[in-house]
């Protein structure tokens, strides 16, 4: 599970900066580390993913997180069950995580 993840780092300024620094200028090499690029190609056991995103998160509004891209990528793969929850009134703060962390703990406990 995740809170406000950078879902498509190959396509956002933060991710492009990080991938260039760690992986170099070859953008084709970045796909191996980009969840949105990997999701359609995944052929392993069923994956259950829970993501919460604050709808008022400035990083979301600035197109740094791109959860919609990940949602679309996961739709094409029946081995991925994604719950992407947009949370109105929440940003990228401690209160956002504190409000929903229990849901994530319960989510993980189902798979133990």
Protein backbone atom coordinates (compact mmCIF):
# COMPACT_ATOMS: atom_id res chain seq x y z
CA UNK A 1 0.00 0.00 0.00
CA UNK A 2 1.04 3.60 -0.38
CA UNK A 3 0.22 7.17 0.53
CA UNK A 4 0.59 9.71 -2.26
CA UNK A 5 3.18 7.75 -4.24
CA UNK A 6 5.01 9.11 -7.25
CA UNK A 7 3.21 6.76 -9.61
CA UNK A 8 4.84 7.58 -12.93
CA UNK A 9 8.32 8.92 -12.20
CA UNK A 10 9.43 8.73 -15.83
CA UNK A 11 6.87 11.43 -16.64
CA UNK A 12 7.13 13.91 -13.77
CA UNK A 13 9.83 16.48 -12.94
CA UNK A 14 10.85 14.89 -9.62
CA UNK A 15 11.16 11.45 -11.16
CA UNK A 16 13.02 12.67 -14.20
CA UNK A 17 15.57 14.41 -11.96
CA UNK A 18 15.98 11.36 -9.71
CA UNK A 19 16.17 8.83 -12.55
CA UNK A 20 18.69 10.95 -14.43
CA UNK A 21 20.84 11.19 -11.31
CA UNK A 22 20.64 7.50 -10.42
CA UNK A 23 20.16 5.77 -13.77
CA UNK A 24 21.57 8.19 -16.32
CA UNK A 25 20.13 9.88 -19.39
CA UNK A 26 18.88 6.69 -21.10
CA UNK A 27 15.13 7.02 -20.53
CA UNK A 28 14.43 3.51 -21.79
CA UNK A 29 16.30 2.16 -18.75
CA UNK A 30 13.92 4.01 -16.44
CA UNK A 31 10.94 1.79 -17.27
CA UNK A 32 12.33 -1.04 -15.13
CA UNK A 33 11.80 1.21 -12.08
CA UNK A 34 8.52 2.91 -13.00
CA UNK A 35 5.37 1.30 -11.55
CA UNK A 36 3.15 2.69 -14.29
CA UNK A 37 5.37 1.19 -16.99
CA UNK A 38 5.70 -2.12 -15.14
CA UNK A 39 2.01 -2.67 -14.33
CA UNK A 40 0.81 -3.71 -17.81
CA UNK A 41 3.74 -6.15 -18.15
CA UNK A 42 3.25 -7.86 -14.77
CA UNK A 43 2.50 -11.60 -15.07
CA UNK A 44 3.05 -12.85 -11.51
CA UNK A 45 0.59 -13.78 -8.79
CA UNK A 46 -2.39 -11.55 -8.11
CA UNK A 47 -1.35 -8.19 -6.63
CA UNK A 48 -3.61 -6.27 -4.29
CA UNK A 49 -2.64 -2.61 -3.97
CA UNK A 50 -4.18 0.11 -1.83
CA UNK A 51 -3.23 3.74 -2.50
CA UNK A 52 -4.58 6.84 -0.84
CA UNK A 53 -4.11 10.22 -2.46
CA UNK A 54 -5.12 13.57 -0.98
CA UNK A 55 -7.13 15.51 -3.54
CA UNK A 56 -5.80 18.79 -2.11
CA UNK A 57 -2.16 17.67 -2.19
CA UNK A 58 -0.16 20.40 -3.94
CA UNK A 59 2.27 17.81 -5.34
CA UNK A 60 -0.73 16.06 -6.91
CA UNK A 61 -2.02 19.34 -8.34
CA UNK A 62 1.47 20.11 -9.69
CA UNK A 63 1.46 16.78 -11.63
CA UNK A 64 4.32 15.30 -9.58
CA UNK A 65 2.44 12.14 -8.51
CA UNK A 66 0.31 11.12 -11.54
CA UNK A 67 -1.94 8.51 -9.90
CA UNK A 68 -4.34 8.57 -12.86
CA UNK A 69 -1.59 7.15 -15.06
CA UNK A 70 -1.11 4.24 -12.65
CA UNK A 71 -4.86 3.59 -12.49
CA UNK A 72 -5.02 3.38 -16.29
CA UNK A 73 -1.97 1.10 -16.46
CA UNK A 74 -3.43 -1.28 -13.87
CA UNK A 75 -6.79 -1.50 -15.68
CA UNK A 76 -5.11 -3.40 -18.49
CA UNK A 77 -3.84 -6.15 -16.15
CA UNK A 78 -6.28 -8.58 -14.52
CA UNK A 79 -3.49 -9.70 -12.14
CA UNK A 80 -3.57 -6.30 -10.41
CA UNK A 81 -6.38 -5.27 -8.09
CA UNK A 82 -5.79 -1.58 -7.40
CA UNK A 83 -7.82 0.48 -4.96
CA UNK A 84 -6.89 4.11 -5.63
CA UNK A 85 -8.75 6.27 -3.15
CA UNK A 86 -8.85 10.02 -3.71
CA UNK A 87 -9.43 11.70 -0.37
CA UNK A 88 -11.17 15.08 -0.57
CA UNK A 89 -9.95 17.72 1.87
CA UNK A 90 -6.54 16.11 2.46
CA UNK A 91 -3.09 17.22 1.36
CA UNK A 92 0.39 15.67 1.80
CA UNK A 93 0.47 16.04 5.58
CA UNK A 94 0.85 13.96 8.71
CA UNK A 95 -2.91 14.30 9.31
CA UNK A 96 -3.65 12.66 5.98
CA UNK A 97 -1.56 9.61 6.86
CA UNK A 98 -2.76 9.53 10.47
CA UNK A 99 -6.37 9.49 9.27
CA UNK A 100 -6.00 6.52 6.93
CA UNK A 101 -3.07 4.48 8.30
CA UNK A 102 -5.39 2.11 10.17
CA UNK A 103 -7.04 1.20 6.85
CA UNK A 104 -3.61 0.32 5.48
CA UNK A 105 -2.72 -1.81 8.49
CA UNK A 106 -6.00 -3.70 8.14
CA UNK A 107 -5.38 -4.07 4.41
CA UNK A 108 -1.98 -5.66 5.02
CA UNK A 109 -3.27 -7.90 7.78
CA UNK A 110 -5.59 -9.60 5.26
CA UNK A 111 -2.52 -10.96 3.47
CA UNK A 112 -0.55 -12.29 6.43
